[in-house]
Amino acid sequence: MTRIESPLVSVIILSYNGMTDLIQCVRSVFESSYTNLEVIVVDNASTDDSLATLERAYSGNSRLKIVRNLVNLGFAAGNNIGVAHARGELVAFLNQDARLERSCVERAVQFMLGNLEIAALQPRILSLDDPRLIDSAGVVLSPIGVSVVIGHGQADGLQYQQKRFITSGLAAALFVRSRLFRMLGGFDEDFFVLAEDGDFCWRVWLSGNKVVYYPKALAFHRGGSSRRKETDYFNYYYSIRNNFTMLLKNLSAPLTLPCVGTSICYHFTRGLILRYQIAYFRALGAAIRWQITNRKAVWRKRENVQSLRKVSDALLISQRVLEVVNPDLILRAM
């Protein structure tokens, strides 16, 4: 690539007690074949020595910027802060337990430069612990919020070698045009953690832009390293609550009430069928109460999203960007 064809890429890594993972993640970025990049590590008030170790390893490296948050602001707000410090035309969100293959950034940039309608790109993400397996080939999402990570846990094969449009990419490794990210308001900071990437990518589609899975760009991801430290209630609560918020913000008026109502029934039935513990049902109740208490704030967000809408739900469903619920999708989600 010539200099003109090599826009600055800002790689944003959210750090929280990452230690070895963080060091290896940053190293994988700096070993990229694409060199016109900066790395912004946003630390969510870690209590280990990961930042001190990182500073010693990359002392004097002008391409590394470290931003320290005084408290844990969560995934959404933490990454938004990273974008606020970013200078790049493209931003690449990368989890601390992810790694980039050497040509990943270069391949992603080349594809996005040649396809201006693509606003977000997810690479082929393999399991860091077993690279023979797919971690994610994108996400498919239904109008009631049922989501499935395509290929998760399956052997990497020919079916994952073709690029395709996807409802959402995983922010474990996700390239986004920074101007559009800012225009759409970034990640919803009320989400704190979970579903913020699905909510954002849905808004990308509504704005008339597209999200793609591009397998020639390759990354690796362990997954769940931060959330495994949290309680079951924590993970259930944010997953369900944010799912409801995403639907209330992004669905068109005719679909909102029936789809949200169906989603509540789905989550309740899922808990019964899978015999989840009482923490699940407590989280479901708390998620519903949060929506009632915060209905005015959610409504204001909905008005903003709908004011930017250029694409109908009917078109997204017809193009299978939003996947109509079917038994196979429900079973895979469970």
Protein backbone atom coordinates (compact mmCIF):
# COMPACT_ATOMS: atom_id res chain seq x y z
CA MET A 1 0.00 0.00 0.00
CA THR A 2 1.11 3.54 -0.65
CA ARG A 3 0.86 6.10 2.13
CA ILE A 4 -2.41 7.48 0.69
CA GLU A 5 -3.86 3.96 0.75
CA SER A 6 -2.70 3.39 4.32
CA PRO A 7 -5.04 5.27 6.67
CA LEU A 8 -4.16 5.42 10.32
CA VAL A 9 -5.78 2.61 12.30
CA SER A 10 -6.40 3.12 16.02
CA VAL A 11 -6.41 -0.22 17.84
CA ILE A 12 -8.31 0.12 21.11
CA ILE A 13 -7.69 -2.49 23.79
CA LEU A 14 -9.76 -2.38 26.96
CA SER A 15 -7.71 -3.61 29.88
CA TYR A 16 -8.84 -5.01 33.21
CA ASN A 17 -6.36 -7.05 35.28
CA GLY A 18 -5.03 -8.47 32.03
CA MET A 19 -1.36 -9.13 32.88
CA THR A 20 0.00 -11.77 30.44
CA ASP A 21 -3.01 -11.55 28.13
CA LEU A 22 -2.60 -7.80 27.72
CA ILE A 23 1.12 -7.97 26.95
CA GLN A 24 0.62 -10.68 24.34
CA CYS A 25 -2.32 -8.84 22.79
CA VAL A 26 -0.34 -5.60 22.38
CA ARG A 27 2.63 -7.54 21.02
CA SER A 28 0.46 -9.15 18.33
CA VAL A 29 -0.66 -5.69 17.16
CA PHE A 30 2.85 -4.26 16.98
CA GLU A 31 3.98 -7.34 15.02
CA SER A 32 1.39 -6.56 12.32
CA SER A 33 2.50 -6.19 8.71
CA TYR A 34 0.46 -2.97 8.70
CA THR A 35 2.50 -0.28 10.43
CA ASN A 36 0.41 2.90 10.23
CA LEU A 37 -1.37 2.25 13.49
CA GLU A 38 -1.56 3.40 17.06
CA VAL A 39 -2.47 1.34 20.10
CA ILE A 40 -4.67 2.85 22.78
CA VAL A 41 -4.92 0.81 25.96
CA VAL A 42 -7.81 1.95 28.14
CA ASP A 43 -7.47 0.54 31.64
CA ASN A 44 -10.60 0.07 33.74
CA ALA A 45 -8.94 0.57 37.16
CA SER A 46 -6.91 -2.64 37.19
CA THR A 47 -5.45 -3.72 40.53
CA ASP A 48 -2.68 -5.97 39.16
CA ASP A 49 0.68 -4.94 37.70
CA SER A 50 -0.38 -5.26 34.06
CA LEU A 51 0.04 -1.57 33.21
CA ALA A 52 3.44 -1.29 34.88
CA THR A 53 4.57 -4.40 33.00
CA LEU A 54 3.25 -2.96 29.73
CA GLU A 55 5.01 0.35 30.29
CA ARG A 56 8.32 -1.40 30.94
CA ALA A 57 7.93 -3.53 27.82
CA TYR A 58 7.09 -0.60 25.52
CA SER A 59 8.89 2.32 27.15
CA GLY A 60 9.46 5.07 24.60
CA ASN A 61 7.12 3.59 21.98
CA SER A 62 5.29 6.63 20.65
CA ARG A 63 2.59 4.48 19.03
CA LEU A 64 1.34 3.30 22.43
CA LYS A 65 -1.01 5.44 24.50
CA ILE A 66 -2.33 4.37 27.91
CA VAL A 67 -5.51 5.88 29.33
CA ARG A 68 -6.29 5.19 32.99
CA ASN A 69 -9.86 5.20 34.29
CA LEU A 70 -10.21 5.77 38.02
CA VAL A 71 -13.07 3.27 38.26
CA ASN A 72 -14.28 0.36 36.15
CA LEU A 73 -16.54 2.03 33.58
CA GLY A 74 -17.44 -1.20 31.80
CA PHE A 75 -16.88 -2.31 28.23
CA ALA A 76 -19.04 0.25 26.42
CA ALA A 77 -17.86 3.42 28.15
CA GLY A 78 -14.27 2.20 28.28
CA ASN A 79 -14.13 1.69 24.53
CA ASN A 80 -15.88 5.01 23.87
CA ILE A 81 -13.12 6.72 25.85
CA GLY A 82 -10.61 4.95 23.64
CA VAL A 83 -12.31 6.33 20.53
CA ALA A 84 -12.23 9.82 22.06
CA HIS A 85 -8.41 9.53 22.12
CA ALA A 86 -8.19 7.92 18.67
CA ARG A 87 -6.84 9.74 15.62
CA GLY A 88 -7.40 6.96 13.11
CA GLU A 89 -9.77 6.87 10.17
CA LEU A 90 -10.52 3.32 11.27
CA VAL A 91 -10.75 2.00 14.80
CA ALA A 92 -10.19 -1.64 15.67
CA PHE A 93 -11.69 -2.86 18.94
CA LEU A 94 -9.69 -5.71 20.40
CA ASN A 95 -10.25 -7.65 23.62
CA GLN A 96 -7.23 -8.14 25.85
CA ASP A 97 -7.62 -11.93 25.48
CA ALA A 98 -7.50 -11.65 21.67
CA ARG A 99 -4.58 -11.72 19.24
CA LEU A 100 -4.22 -10.52 15.66
CA GLU A 101 -2.62 -12.62 12.94
CA ARG A 102 0.20 -10.65 11.35
CA SER A 103 -1.73 -9.68 8.18
CA CYS A 104 -5.12 -9.14 9.85
CA VAL A 105 -5.06 -5.33 9.94
CA GLU A 106 -3.67 -5.03 6.42
CA ARG A 107 -6.31 -7.34 4.94
CA ALA A 108 -9.15 -5.63 6.80
CA VAL A 109 -8.01 -2.17 5.72
CA GLN A 110 -7.64 -3.21 2.07
CA PHE A 111 -11.14 -4.63 2.01
CA MET A 112 -12.75 -1.61 3.66
CA LEU A 113 -10.92 0.80 1.35
CA GLY A 114 -12.33 -1.03 -1.65
CA ASN A 115 -15.88 -1.33 -0.26
CA LEU A 116 -17.00 2.02 1.09
CA GLU A 117 -20.49 0.75 2.00
CA ILE A 118 -18.87 -1.49 4.63
CA ALA A 119 -18.86 0.36 7.95
CA ALA A 120 -17.87 -2.53 10.22
CA LEU A 121 -15.85 -5.68 9.62
CA GLN A 122 -15.31 -8.74 11.75
CA PRO A 123 -12.36 -10.99 10.90
CA ARG A 124 -12.54 -14.77 11.08
CA ILE A 125 -11.93 -15.35 14.78
CA LEU A 126 -10.46 -18.69 15.84
CA SER A 127 -10.21 -20.06 19.36
CA LEU A 128 -6.99 -18.93 20.99
CA ASP A 129 -6.83 -22.15 22.99
CA ASP A 130 -7.54 -24.41 19.99
CA PRO A 131 -7.04 -22.66 16.62
CA ARG A 132 -8.69 -25.58 14.82
CA LEU A 133 -12.02 -24.28 16.13
CA ILE A 134 -14.09 -21.22 15.21
CA ASP A 135 -14.67 -18.69 17.97
CA SER A 136 -16.84 -16.46 15.78
CA ALA A 137 -17.78 -16.11 12.13
CA GLY A 138 -20.14 -13.26 12.99
CA VAL A 139 -23.45 -13.03 14.81
CA VAL A 140 -26.99 -13.56 13.57
CA LEU A 141 -29.74 -11.76 15.48
CA SER A 142 -33.51 -12.18 15.43
CA PRO A 143 -36.18 -9.49 15.91
CA ILE A 144 -36.85 -10.87 19.42
CA GLY A 145 -33.20 -10.62 20.36
CA VAL A 146 -32.26 -14.29 20.05
CA SER A 147 -28.65 -14.24 18.92
CA VAL A 148 -26.26 -16.95 17.78
CA VAL A 149 -22.52 -16.68 17.30
CA ILE A 150 -21.98 -18.35 13.93
CA GLY A 151 -19.67 -21.37 14.03
CA HIS A 152 -18.72 -21.07 17.71
CA GLY A 153 -16.97 -24.28 18.80
CA GLN A 154 -17.13 -25.81 15.32
CA ALA A 155 -14.15 -26.99 13.29
CA ASP A 156 -12.80 -24.33 10.92
CA GLY A 157 -13.79 -25.38 7.40
CA LEU A 158 -14.79 -24.25 3.93
CA GLN A 159 -18.17 -22.94 5.12
CA TYR A 160 -16.30 -20.27 7.10
CA GLN A 161 -14.03 -19.19 4.24
CA GLN A 162 -16.62 -17.06 2.41
CA LYS A 163 -17.30 -13.43 3.24
CA ARG A 164 -20.92 -12.62 4.09
CA PHE A 165 -23.07 -9.90 5.56
CA ILE A 166 -23.80 -10.45 9.25
CA THR A 167 -26.16 -8.80 11.70
CA SER A 168 -23.26 -8.02 14.01
CA GLY A 169 -19.61 -8.61 14.59
CA LEU A 170 -18.06 -9.38 17.96
CA ALA A 171 -16.20 -6.46 19.47
CA ALA A 172 -13.54 -8.94 20.57
CA ALA A 173 -12.05 -8.05 17.16
CA LEU A 174 -14.04 -5.51 15.17
CA PHE A 175 -12.99 -2.84 12.64
CA VAL A 176 -15.22 0.24 12.35
CA ARG A 177 -15.07 3.54 10.47
CA SER A 178 -14.42 6.02 13.27
CA ARG A 179 -16.47 8.85 11.74
CA LEU A 180 -19.59 6.69 11.59
CA PHE A 181 -18.95 5.30 15.07
CA ARG A 182 -19.01 8.83 16.46
CA MET A 183 -22.00 9.86 14.34
CA LEU A 184 -24.05 6.95 15.68
CA GLY A 185 -23.11 7.76 19.27
CA GLY A 186 -20.70 4.89 19.83
CA PHE A 187 -21.49 2.05 22.17
CA ASP A 188 -24.47 2.60 24.49
CA GLU A 189 -22.79 3.24 27.85
CA ASP A 190 -25.86 2.17 29.82
CA PHE A 191 -25.16 -1.36 28.61
CA PHE A 192 -21.97 -1.46 30.73
CA VAL A 193 -21.14 -4.92 29.39
CA LEU A 194 -22.68 -7.45 26.95
CA ALA A 195 -24.71 -6.85 23.74
CA GLU A 196 -23.21 -3.41 23.08
CA ASP A 197 -21.64 -4.65 19.85
CA GLY A 198 -24.95 -6.13 18.64
CA ASP A 199 -26.78 -2.91 19.46
CA PHE A 200 -24.18 -0.80 17.66
CA CYS A 201 -24.05 -3.00 14.55
CA TRP A 202 -27.85 -2.98 14.34
CA ARG A 203 -27.68 0.81 14.26
CA VAL A 204 -25.06 0.57 11.50
CA TRP A 205 -27.56 -1.33 9.35
CA LEU A 206 -30.38 1.10 10.17
CA SER A 207 -28.17 3.98 9.05
CA GLY A 208 -27.91 2.45 5.58
CA ASN A 209 -24.43 0.96 6.02
CA LYS A 210 -23.31 -2.66 6.22
CA VAL A 211 -21.50 -5.10 8.50
CA VAL A 212 -19.42 -7.89 6.98
CA TYR A 213 -17.65 -11.07 8.04
CA TYR A 214 -14.33 -11.15 6.20
CA PRO A 215 -12.47 -14.45 6.67
CA LYS A 216 -9.21 -13.44 4.96
CA ALA A 217 -8.51 -11.27 8.01
CA LEU A 218 -7.74 -13.54 10.95
CA ALA A 219 -7.77 -13.09 14.72
CA PHE A 220 -7.77 -15.35 17.78
CA HIS A 221 -9.83 -15.05 20.96
CA ARG A 222 -10.12 -16.91 24.24
CA GLY A 223 -13.41 -15.37 25.33
CA GLY A 224 -15.11 -14.65 28.64
CA SER A 225 -11.92 -14.04 30.62
CA SER A 226 -13.36 -11.00 32.43
CA ARG A 227 -16.93 -12.23 32.83
CA ARG A 228 -15.85 -15.55 34.33
CA LYS A 229 -14.78 -13.53 37.37
CA GLU A 230 -18.35 -12.23 37.83
CA THR A 231 -21.39 -13.90 39.39
CA ASP A 232 -24.04 -15.77 37.42
CA TYR A 233 -26.55 -13.07 38.41
CA PHE A 234 -24.29 -10.34 36.98
CA ASN A 235 -24.00 -12.05 33.61
CA TYR A 236 -27.70 -12.99 33.40
CA TYR A 237 -28.83 -9.51 34.39
CA TYR A 238 -26.78 -7.52 31.89
CA SER A 239 -27.41 -10.01 29.09
CA ILE A 240 -31.21 -9.89 29.48
CA ARG A 241 -31.51 -6.20 30.35
CA ASN A 242 -29.38 -5.07 27.44
CA ASN A 243 -31.23 -7.41 25.10
CA PHE A 244 -34.53 -5.70 25.97
CA THR A 245 -32.98 -2.23 25.60
CA MET A 246 -31.58 -3.13 22.18
CA LEU A 247 -35.02 -4.18 20.96
CA LEU A 248 -36.78 -1.14 22.39
CA LYS A 249 -34.30 1.21 20.72
CA ASN A 250 -33.90 -0.37 17.31
CA LEU A 251 -37.16 -2.02 16.27
CA SER A 252 -39.71 -0.07 14.24
CA ALA A 253 -43.01 0.80 15.92
CA PRO A 254 -45.16 -2.06 14.51
CA LEU A 255 -42.70 -4.68 15.76
CA THR A 256 -41.65 -3.25 19.11
CA LEU A 257 -44.42 -4.41 21.46
CA PRO A 258 -44.98 -7.89 19.94
CA CYS A 259 -41.26 -8.61 19.70
CA VAL A 260 -40.41 -7.36 23.20
CA GLY A 261 -43.35 -9.30 24.63
CA THR A 262 -42.24 -12.43 22.82
CA SER A 263 -38.68 -11.87 24.05
CA ILE A 264 -39.85 -11.75 27.68
CA CYS A 265 -41.74 -15.03 27.16
CA TYR A 266 -38.72 -16.57 25.46
CA HIS A 267 -36.38 -15.71 28.33
CA PHE A 268 -38.82 -17.02 30.93
CA THR A 269 -39.43 -20.25 29.01
CA ARG A 270 -35.73 -20.70 28.40
CA GLY A 271 -35.12 -20.55 32.14
CA LEU A 272 -37.75 -23.23 32.76
CA ILE A 273 -36.57 -25.57 30.00
CA LEU A 274 -32.91 -25.34 30.96
CA ARG A 275 -33.76 -25.45 34.68
CA TYR A 276 -31.72 -22.38 35.46
CA GLN A 277 -31.10 -21.52 39.07
CA ILE A 278 -33.06 -18.86 40.94
CA ALA A 279 -30.39 -16.23 40.09
CA TYR A 280 -31.57 -16.34 36.46
CA PHE A 281 -35.18 -15.52 37.33
CA ARG A 282 -34.11 -12.82 39.78
CA ALA A 283 -32.04 -11.27 36.98
CA LEU A 284 -34.99 -11.49 34.55
CA GLY A 285 -37.25 -9.69 37.02
CA ALA A 286 -34.61 -7.03 37.71
CA ALA A 287 -34.09 -6.49 33.97
CA ILE A 288 -37.82 -5.87 33.45
CA ARG A 289 -37.97 -3.50 36.44
CA TRP A 290 -34.98 -1.56 35.08
CA GLN A 291 -36.80 -1.02 31.79
CA ILE A 292 -39.86 0.32 33.61
CA THR A 293 -37.82 2.61 35.85
CA ASN A 294 -35.70 3.92 32.98
CA ARG A 295 -38.39 4.01 30.29
CA LYS A 296 -38.01 7.75 29.62
CA ALA A 297 -34.26 7.48 29.04
CA VAL A 298 -34.72 4.44 26.81
CA TRP A 299 -37.44 6.26 24.87
CA ARG A 300 -35.13 9.22 24.22
CA LYS A 301 -32.52 6.84 22.86
CA ARG A 302 -35.14 5.20 20.71
CA GLU A 303 -36.18 8.55 19.24
CA ASN A 304 -32.55 9.31 18.35
CA VAL A 305 -32.01 5.90 16.69
CA GLN A 306 -35.24 6.09 14.72
CA SER A 307 -34.44 9.63 13.53
CA LEU A 308 -31.33 8.23 11.81
CA ARG A 309 -33.12 5.23 10.29
CA LYS A 310 -32.75 4.82 6.51
CA VAL A 311 -33.59 1.12 6.22
CA SER A 312 -36.82 -0.67 7.15
CA ASP A 313 -37.05 -3.75 9.37
CA ALA A 314 -38.88 -5.47 6.52
CA LEU A 315 -35.86 -5.01 4.24
CA LEU A 316 -33.43 -6.28 6.88
CA ILE A 317 -35.62 -9.33 7.44
CA SER A 318 -35.98 -10.00 3.71
CA GLN A 319 -32.19 -9.82 3.35
CA ARG A 320 -31.80 -12.09 6.39
CA VAL A 321 -29.74 -9.47 8.19
CA LEU A 322 -32.34 -9.95 10.92
CA GLU A 323 -33.12 -13.66 11.04
CA VAL A 324 -36.77 -14.53 11.64
CA VAL A 325 -36.99 -16.87 14.62
CA ASN A 326 -37.08 -20.54 13.74
CA PRO A 327 -36.66 -23.68 15.88
CA ASP A 328 -33.06 -24.19 14.76
CA LEU A 329 -32.09 -20.65 15.75
CA ILE A 330 -33.77 -21.01 19.15
CA LEU A 331 -32.07 -24.36 19.84
CA ARG A 332 -28.66 -22.99 18.88
CA ALA A 333 -29.21 -19.97 21.15
CA MET A 334 -29.96 -22.23 24.08
